[in-house]
Protein backbone atom coordinates (compact mmCIF):
# COMPACT_ATOMS: atom_id res chain seq x y z
CA MET A 1 68.42 8.91 31.13
CA SER A 2 70.21 10.29 28.09
CA ALA A 3 73.52 10.89 29.98
CA ASP A 4 73.66 7.47 31.37
CA LEU A 5 73.52 6.32 27.81
CA ASP A 6 75.88 8.14 26.48
CA ALA A 7 78.22 6.94 29.56
CA LEU A 8 77.27 3.40 28.24
CA LEU A 9 77.84 3.86 24.43
CA ALA A 10 81.36 5.66 25.19
CA GLY A 11 82.40 2.82 27.04
CA LEU A 12 82.00 -0.12 24.36
CA ARG A 13 84.79 -1.64 22.89
CA ARG A 14 84.58 -3.36 19.43
CA ARG A 15 86.77 -6.35 20.72
CA PRO A 16 87.43 -8.95 19.37
CA ASP A 17 86.23 -7.24 16.12
CA LEU A 18 88.51 -5.12 14.61
CA GLU A 19 89.36 -1.75 16.42
CA THR A 20 90.75 1.25 14.91
CA ALA A 21 90.61 5.03 15.25
CA GLU A 22 87.53 5.76 12.52
CA LEU A 23 85.62 2.61 13.62
CA ARG A 24 83.49 2.77 16.84
CA ALA A 25 81.15 -0.06 18.57
CA TRP A 26 77.54 1.62 17.99
CA ASP A 27 76.16 4.14 15.30
CA ALA A 28 73.34 6.60 15.23
CA ALA A 29 71.05 3.86 14.24
CA ASP A 30 71.55 2.23 17.71
CA ARG A 31 71.04 5.68 19.39
CA TYR A 32 67.97 6.32 17.48
CA LEU A 33 66.71 2.86 18.26
CA LEU A 34 67.40 3.04 22.01
CA ASP A 35 66.07 6.69 22.50
CA THR A 36 62.80 5.22 20.63
CA ALA A 37 63.05 2.31 22.71
CA ALA A 38 63.37 4.39 25.95
CA LEU A 39 59.85 5.97 25.22
CA PHE A 40 58.06 2.26 25.12
CA LEU A 41 60.12 0.98 28.16
CA ALA A 42 59.39 4.22 30.62
CA THR A 43 55.82 2.53 30.87
CA ARG A 44 56.89 -0.65 31.62
CA PRO A 45 59.99 -2.83 32.29
CA VAL A 46 59.07 -5.26 29.70
CA GLU A 47 60.89 -8.57 28.26
CA VAL A 48 62.63 -7.17 25.25
CA VAL A 49 64.34 -9.28 21.84
CA VAL A 50 67.24 -7.55 20.39
CA VAL A 51 68.02 -9.45 16.83
CA ASP A 52 72.02 -8.85 15.26
CA ASP A 53 73.27 -6.13 17.78
CA THR A 54 76.69 -5.69 16.55
CA HIS A 55 78.57 -5.20 19.96
CA GLY A 56 76.42 -4.89 22.56
CA ALA A 57 74.82 -0.92 22.46
CA LEU A 58 71.27 -2.41 21.98
CA THR A 59 71.27 -5.67 24.53
CA LEU A 60 73.11 -3.13 26.87
CA GLY A 61 71.17 -0.20 26.42
CA ALA A 62 67.73 -2.29 26.88
CA LEU A 63 68.96 -3.20 30.05
CA ALA A 64 70.04 0.19 31.20
CA LEU A 65 66.70 1.75 30.15
CA GLY A 66 64.60 -0.81 32.43
CA ALA A 67 63.99 -3.92 30.36
CA HIS A 68 63.03 -7.05 32.38
CA ARG A 69 65.62 -9.28 30.57
CA VAL A 70 66.54 -9.25 27.31
CA ARG A 71 66.47 -12.07 24.76
CA VAL A 72 69.14 -11.82 22.16
CA HIS A 73 70.33 -13.30 18.61
CA GLN A 74 73.38 -12.60 16.75
CA ASP A 75 74.18 -14.51 13.98
CA SER A 76 77.86 -13.37 14.44
CA LEU A 77 79.99 -15.09 16.68
CA VAL A 78 82.47 -12.18 16.77
CA ALA A 79 79.23 -9.94 17.68
CA GLN A 80 78.34 -12.63 19.97
CA ARG A 81 81.90 -12.37 21.83
CA ALA A 82 81.68 -8.54 21.68
CA LEU A 83 78.70 -8.44 23.59
CA VAL A 84 80.14 -10.43 25.88
CA ALA A 85 83.40 -8.55 26.68
CA ASN A 86 81.23 -5.32 27.10
CA ALA A 87 78.63 -6.76 29.35
CA ALA A 88 81.36 -8.32 31.80
CA GLY A 89 79.16 -10.96 33.46
CA ALA A 90 76.29 -7.73 34.01
CA GLY A 91 72.81 -7.98 32.98
CA ASP A 92 69.97 -10.60 32.46
CA TYR A 93 70.26 -11.32 28.93
CA SER A 94 70.52 -14.83 27.07
CA GLN A 95 71.65 -15.91 23.74
CA HIS A 96 69.33 -17.68 21.37
CA ALA A 97 68.69 -19.40 17.93
CA LEU A 98 66.51 -17.14 15.76
CA SER A 99 64.12 -19.47 15.69
CA ASP A 100 63.40 -19.27 19.49
CA VAL A 101 64.83 -15.99 20.12
CA MET A 102 61.09 -14.41 20.52
CA THR A 103 58.50 -15.65 22.88
CA PRO A 104 55.11 -14.38 24.06
CA ASP A 105 56.71 -12.61 26.96
CA ALA A 106 58.49 -9.92 24.74
CA ARG A 107 56.34 -6.65 23.94
CA LEU A 108 59.17 -5.09 22.25
CA ALA A 109 61.82 -6.11 19.44
CA LEU A 110 64.86 -4.45 18.48
CA VAL A 111 66.30 -5.12 15.17
CA ARG A 112 69.63 -4.28 13.30
CA LEU A 113 67.84 -3.74 9.56
CA PRO A 114 70.16 -6.13 7.50
CA ARG A 115 70.80 -5.11 4.16
CA SER A 116 69.83 -8.58 2.42
CA LEU A 117 66.23 -8.43 2.00
CA ASP A 118 66.02 -12.28 2.66
CA ARG A 119 67.66 -12.03 5.83
CA LEU A 120 65.15 -9.50 6.82
CA ASP A 121 62.19 -11.48 5.68
CA ALA A 122 63.43 -14.56 7.46
CA VAL A 123 63.91 -12.72 10.58
CA ALA A 124 60.38 -11.07 10.38
CA ARG A 125 58.83 -14.05 9.78
CA GLU A 126 60.52 -15.49 12.66
CA LEU A 127 59.55 -12.92 15.00
CA ALA A 128 56.10 -12.41 14.45
CA ALA A 129 55.47 -16.38 14.31
CA ARG A 130 56.06 -16.31 18.11
CA ALA A 131 54.87 -12.71 18.69
CA HIS A 132 52.25 -11.78 21.26
CA PRO A 133 49.54 -9.77 19.12
CA ASP A 134 50.97 -6.57 21.03
CA LEU A 135 54.31 -6.98 19.86
CA VAL A 136 56.24 -3.72 18.49
CA LEU A 137 59.13 -4.36 16.53
CA ILE A 138 61.79 -1.37 15.93
CA ALA A 139 64.39 -1.89 12.91
CA GLY A 140 66.94 0.85 12.40
CA ASN A 141 69.62 0.93 10.38
CA MET A 142 71.84 3.93 8.51
CA HIS A 143 69.75 5.37 5.77
CA LYS A 144 72.06 5.02 3.33
CA HIS A 145 71.49 1.18 3.90
CA MET A 146 68.03 1.20 3.48
CA THR A 147 65.26 1.11 0.77
CA PRO A 148 61.79 1.32 0.33
CA ALA A 149 61.95 -2.42 -0.49
CA GLN A 150 62.77 -3.37 3.31
CA ASN A 151 59.13 -1.65 4.15
CA GLU A 152 57.19 -4.02 1.94
CA VAL A 153 59.38 -7.37 3.48
CA LEU A 154 58.22 -6.28 6.61
CA ARG A 155 54.40 -5.96 5.74
CA ALA A 156 54.56 -9.38 5.01
CA SER A 157 55.08 -10.20 8.68
CA PHE A 158 53.22 -7.31 10.18
CA ALA A 159 50.01 -5.77 9.57
CA GLN A 160 51.23 -2.19 9.89
CA VAL A 161 54.95 -0.93 9.23
CA GLU A 162 55.83 3.32 10.14
CA VAL A 163 58.37 4.99 8.80
CA SER A 164 60.41 7.46 11.10
CA LEU A 165 61.76 10.69 10.29
CA ALA A 166 65.81 10.52 9.48
CA ARG A 167 67.64 11.40 12.38
CA GLY A 168 71.54 11.73 12.68
CA LYS A 169 71.71 9.55 9.25
CA ALA A 170 69.31 7.11 10.34
CA ARG A 171 66.16 5.83 10.14
CA LEU A 172 63.90 3.43 11.90
CA LEU A 173 60.73 0.97 10.74
CA THR A 174 58.10 0.56 13.19
CA ALA A 175 56.26 -2.67 12.83
CA ARG A 176 52.92 -3.91 14.64
CA GLY A 177 50.26 -6.82 14.08
CA PRO A 178 52.36 -9.73 13.56
CA ARG A 179 50.79 -12.18 11.56
CA VAL A 180 51.95 -16.04 10.95
CA LEU A 181 54.00 -16.72 7.74
CA GLU A 182 55.79 -20.15 6.86
CA PRO A 183 59.76 -20.03 7.98
CA LEU A 184 61.65 -19.07 5.15
CA ALA A 185 63.18 -22.19 3.78
CA PRO A 186 67.24 -22.13 2.35
CA ALA A 187 67.48 -21.45 -1.23
CA ARG A 188 68.52 -24.36 -3.39
CA ALA A 189 70.08 -24.13 -7.11
CA PHE A 190 72.50 -26.33 -9.28
CA ASP A 191 75.40 -24.79 -11.21
CA PRO A 192 76.18 -26.49 -14.04
CA ASP A 193 79.53 -25.06 -14.98
CA LEU A 194 80.84 -26.56 -11.20
CA GLY A 195 78.32 -29.42 -11.21
CA LEU A 196 77.66 -28.76 -7.53
CA HIS A 197 74.07 -28.35 -5.84
CA VAL A 198 74.52 -24.97 -3.73
CA VAL A 199 72.01 -24.46 -0.96
CA ALA A 200 71.86 -20.91 1.32
CA HIS A 201 70.18 -20.01 4.21
CA ALA A 202 69.16 -16.22 3.72
CA GLY A 203 71.37 -13.43 4.36
CA VAL A 204 74.55 -15.74 3.13
CA PHE A 205 76.40 -13.79 0.85
CA ALA A 206 75.72 -14.54 -2.70
CA GLY A 207 72.77 -16.82 -1.38
CA ALA A 208 72.39 -20.19 -3.64
CA SER A 209 74.72 -18.36 -6.66
CA VAL A 210 78.40 -19.06 -6.82
CA ASP A 211 79.80 -15.61 -6.86
CA ILE A 212 82.51 -14.42 -9.13
CA GLY A 213 84.95 -14.08 -7.17
CA THR A 214 85.08 -17.73 -5.96
CA ARG A 215 84.21 -18.54 -9.19
CA ALA A 216 87.53 -17.28 -10.43
CA LEU A 217 89.36 -19.11 -7.50
CA LEU A 218 88.11 -22.34 -8.34
CA GLN A 219 88.98 -21.61 -12.13
CA ALA A 220 92.52 -22.14 -10.81
CA ALA A 221 91.48 -25.77 -8.60
CA ASP A 222 93.41 -28.17 -11.56
CA GLN A 223 96.68 -26.36 -10.11
CA LEU A 224 95.95 -27.34 -6.33
CA PRO A 225 98.53 -29.16 -4.40
CA GLU A 226 97.61 -32.84 -2.81
CA TYR A 227 96.60 -32.18 1.14
CA GLY A 228 95.54 -34.25 4.01
CA THR A 229 93.60 -31.06 5.58
CA ALA A 230 92.36 -28.29 3.94
CA ILE A 231 90.07 -25.39 5.30
CA ASP A 232 87.52 -23.32 3.47
CA LEU A 233 88.16 -20.10 5.63
CA ALA A 234 85.23 -17.70 5.14
CA CYS A 235 83.17 -20.68 3.44
CA GLY A 236 79.60 -18.45 3.10
CA SER A 237 77.67 -21.11 1.38
CA GLY A 238 80.64 -23.65 1.24
CA VAL A 239 81.18 -24.19 -2.20
CA ILE A 240 84.65 -24.20 -2.17
CA ALA A 241 84.64 -27.09 0.91
CA ALA A 242 82.35 -28.82 -1.03
CA VAL A 243 84.98 -28.98 -4.17
CA LEU A 244 87.82 -29.72 -2.11
CA ALA A 245 85.97 -32.48 -0.35
CA ARG A 246 85.00 -33.76 -3.76
CA ARG A 247 88.51 -33.31 -5.12
CA ALA A 248 90.01 -35.74 -2.20
CA PRO A 249 87.50 -37.69 -0.57
CA GLY A 250 90.03 -38.85 1.89
CA ALA A 251 91.07 -35.61 2.99
CA ARG A 252 89.61 -33.82 5.99
CA VAL A 253 87.83 -30.67 4.71
CA ILE A 254 87.06 -27.76 7.27
CA ALA A 255 84.35 -24.86 6.24
CA SER A 256 84.86 -22.21 8.66
CA ASP A 257 82.88 -19.00 9.01
CA VAL A 258 81.67 -16.27 11.48
CA SER A 259 78.37 -16.60 10.34
CA ALA A 260 75.81 -18.80 12.17
CA VAL A 261 73.83 -19.13 8.88
CA ALA A 262 77.23 -19.46 6.59
CA VAL A 263 77.82 -22.67 8.12
CA ALA A 264 74.62 -24.10 8.79
CA SER A 265 74.52 -23.78 4.93
CA ALA A 266 77.90 -25.07 4.08
CA ALA A 267 76.61 -28.27 6.03
CA LEU A 268 73.40 -28.17 3.59
CA THR A 269 75.69 -27.66 0.62
CA ALA A 270 78.28 -30.58 1.55
CA GLU A 271 74.78 -32.81 2.26
CA ALA A 272 73.22 -32.16 -1.24
CA ASN A 273 76.61 -32.95 -2.60
CA GLY A 274 77.07 -36.16 -1.09
CA VAL A 275 80.91 -35.18 0.51
CA ALA A 276 82.24 -35.20 4.11
CA VAL A 277 83.01 -31.50 5.50
CA ASP A 278 83.55 -30.11 8.97
CA THR A 279 81.69 -27.18 9.58
CA VAL A 280 82.75 -24.78 12.47
CA HIS A 281 80.94 -21.64 13.49
CA ASP A 282 84.80 -19.65 14.53
CA ASP A 283 86.03 -15.95 14.65
CA ALA A 284 88.72 -16.75 11.74
CA LEU A 285 90.32 -19.86 12.99
CA SER A 286 90.92 -19.79 16.53
CA GLN A 287 89.26 -23.24 17.00
CA GLN A 288 91.92 -24.64 15.20
CA PRO A 289 95.73 -25.78 16.19
CA ASP A 290 98.55 -24.56 15.03
CA ALA A 291 100.63 -25.99 11.83
CA SER A 292 97.45 -28.36 11.08
CA ALA A 293 96.65 -27.67 7.66
CA ASP A 294 97.97 -28.33 4.16
CA LEU A 295 95.87 -26.07 2.31
CA ILE A 296 93.67 -22.91 2.89
CA MET A 297 91.57 -21.46 0.19
CA LEU A 298 89.89 -17.95 0.96
CA ASN A 299 87.94 -15.34 -0.49
CA PRO A 300 88.06 -12.38 1.95
CA PRO A 301 85.65 -10.12 2.53
CA PHE A 302 86.66 -6.52 2.25
CA HIS A 303 83.90 -5.07 4.72
CA VAL A 304 83.40 -4.20 8.27
CA GLY A 305 80.10 -3.81 8.87
CA ALA A 306 79.10 -1.21 6.25
CA ALA A 307 82.47 0.19 5.94
CA VAL A 308 85.24 -0.94 3.20
CA HIS A 309 88.03 -1.71 4.86
CA THR A 310 91.15 -4.50 4.53
CA GLY A 311 91.62 -4.83 8.48
CA VAL A 312 89.56 -8.25 8.33
CA ALA A 313 91.40 -9.96 5.24
CA LEU A 314 94.56 -8.72 6.77
CA ARG A 315 93.60 -10.86 10.05
CA LEU A 316 92.39 -13.65 8.14
CA PHE A 317 95.78 -13.67 6.39
CA ALA A 318 97.49 -13.94 9.79
CA ASP A 319 95.36 -16.93 11.09
CA ALA A 320 95.73 -18.89 7.95
CA ALA A 321 99.99 -18.50 8.32
CA ARG A 322 99.41 -19.62 12.02
CA LEU A 323 97.91 -23.27 11.03
CA LEU A 324 99.49 -23.93 7.60
CA ARG A 325 102.38 -26.44 8.02
CA PRO A 326 105.66 -25.40 6.52
CA GLY A 327 105.55 -25.49 2.82
CA GLY A 328 101.42 -25.20 2.83
CA GLN A 329 99.47 -23.02 0.83
CA LEU A 330 97.16 -20.31 1.04
CA TRP A 331 94.91 -19.88 -2.29
CA THR A 332 93.13 -16.34 -2.13
CA VAL A 333 90.97 -14.47 -4.39
CA TRP A 334 91.05 -10.51 -4.06
CA ASN A 335 89.43 -7.74 -5.64
CA THR A 336 92.85 -6.23 -7.91
CA HIS A 337 92.48 -2.93 -6.73
CA LEU A 338 93.30 -3.84 -3.42
CA ALA A 339 96.99 -5.22 -4.06
CA TYR A 340 97.21 -7.73 -1.63
CA ALA A 341 100.26 -9.65 -2.67
CA PRO A 342 102.60 -7.65 -0.46
CA ALA A 343 100.50 -8.29 2.62
CA LEU A 344 100.57 -11.77 1.87
CA GLU A 345 103.85 -12.10 1.55
CA ARG A 346 104.60 -10.30 4.63
CA ALA A 347 102.14 -12.76 6.63
CA VAL A 348 102.55 -15.78 4.79
CA GLY A 349 105.48 -16.37 2.65
CA PRO A 350 106.59 -16.42 -1.11
CA THR A 351 103.36 -15.09 -3.06
CA ARG A 352 103.05 -15.76 -6.73
CA GLN A 353 99.90 -14.69 -9.23
CA VAL A 354 97.98 -17.84 -10.67
CA ARG A 355 95.14 -16.04 -12.49
CA ARG A 356 93.99 -12.40 -12.87
CA THR A 357 90.97 -10.98 -14.53
CA ALA A 358 89.65 -7.46 -14.72
CA LYS A 359 88.37 -7.88 -11.59
CA PHE A 360 89.89 -10.06 -9.67
CA THR A 361 93.22 -11.68 -8.67
CA VAL A 362 93.87 -15.57 -7.68
CA THR A 363 97.35 -15.73 -5.79
CA VAL A 364 99.24 -19.03 -3.95
CA SER A 365 101.60 -17.85 -0.97
CA ARG A 366 103.64 -20.90 0.41
CA LYS A 367 103.83 -21.00 4.01
CA ARG A 368 108.01 -20.03 4.83
């Protein structure tokens, strides 16, 4: 079976996620989770729940190990599409919302540990509340992304939590004895500087606060052009979308993100502020037609999973260029050391600096 897993993992690709020589579709934590699951599945072909599989290694690996069926929850649309591409129609798995991925028939759950403690708390609560008493939950990640606080979060929803030895710089937490807690409610806050209510589900970047990059971008909002259609790309909790909708009530404002919890948060933020925003769960802007936007605002991520990488930002620049009408504008905030101006010039058009702080640069790029 070890050779079969080796072959399966070797054949996985990241598409439509960024693919480069230094990035692969699985890591030592995935392999540790699967090797541990193999010991469990060797005795009986049970139903397995998988949460936040990055590219399909856990889902397809569990099926290869003899899982009766696999129920999957992936917050990222890119992760969902990577699993579909890697599965190529094979295997008895199904996608579900976090709130209904667990059933009493499941006896094993495999979870990629999130670095957000709130996200881990939300996942643990949802799984434990619907679990069979005999459920075994095995969660793992690379050791450098784990903290003892994760153990305590799991202990709130499970009576027993065991910590594994490290292997290949990865570590696992095994939880048993699920207990029912109330689902974690979205966080809510009011930002007095923006006069804005912010609502965020667990796991959204910056939570219910306004991160300093977004704040730097919005401090230049008085210079924005008029717009009929504007997009908050990689919207997170939807703060920028809410500001855009409030500034131009007659415009169509779209909030788009690869994360389902981000999109749900953006909808709640818009509702809390009494503005109209169209929320879209999307990989970049794949669902939007060419030359359909006057304005796009972007605070791009600079991580691919745990790795610092500019590839995601470059892909977002290219998609923004495709969507902008001639003369349309892309407003971007970025960590100054990343020096994105030449890339923005190439992808979109003439780019000028609007604002600069010790940490952030705000630029506007005009579509050729």
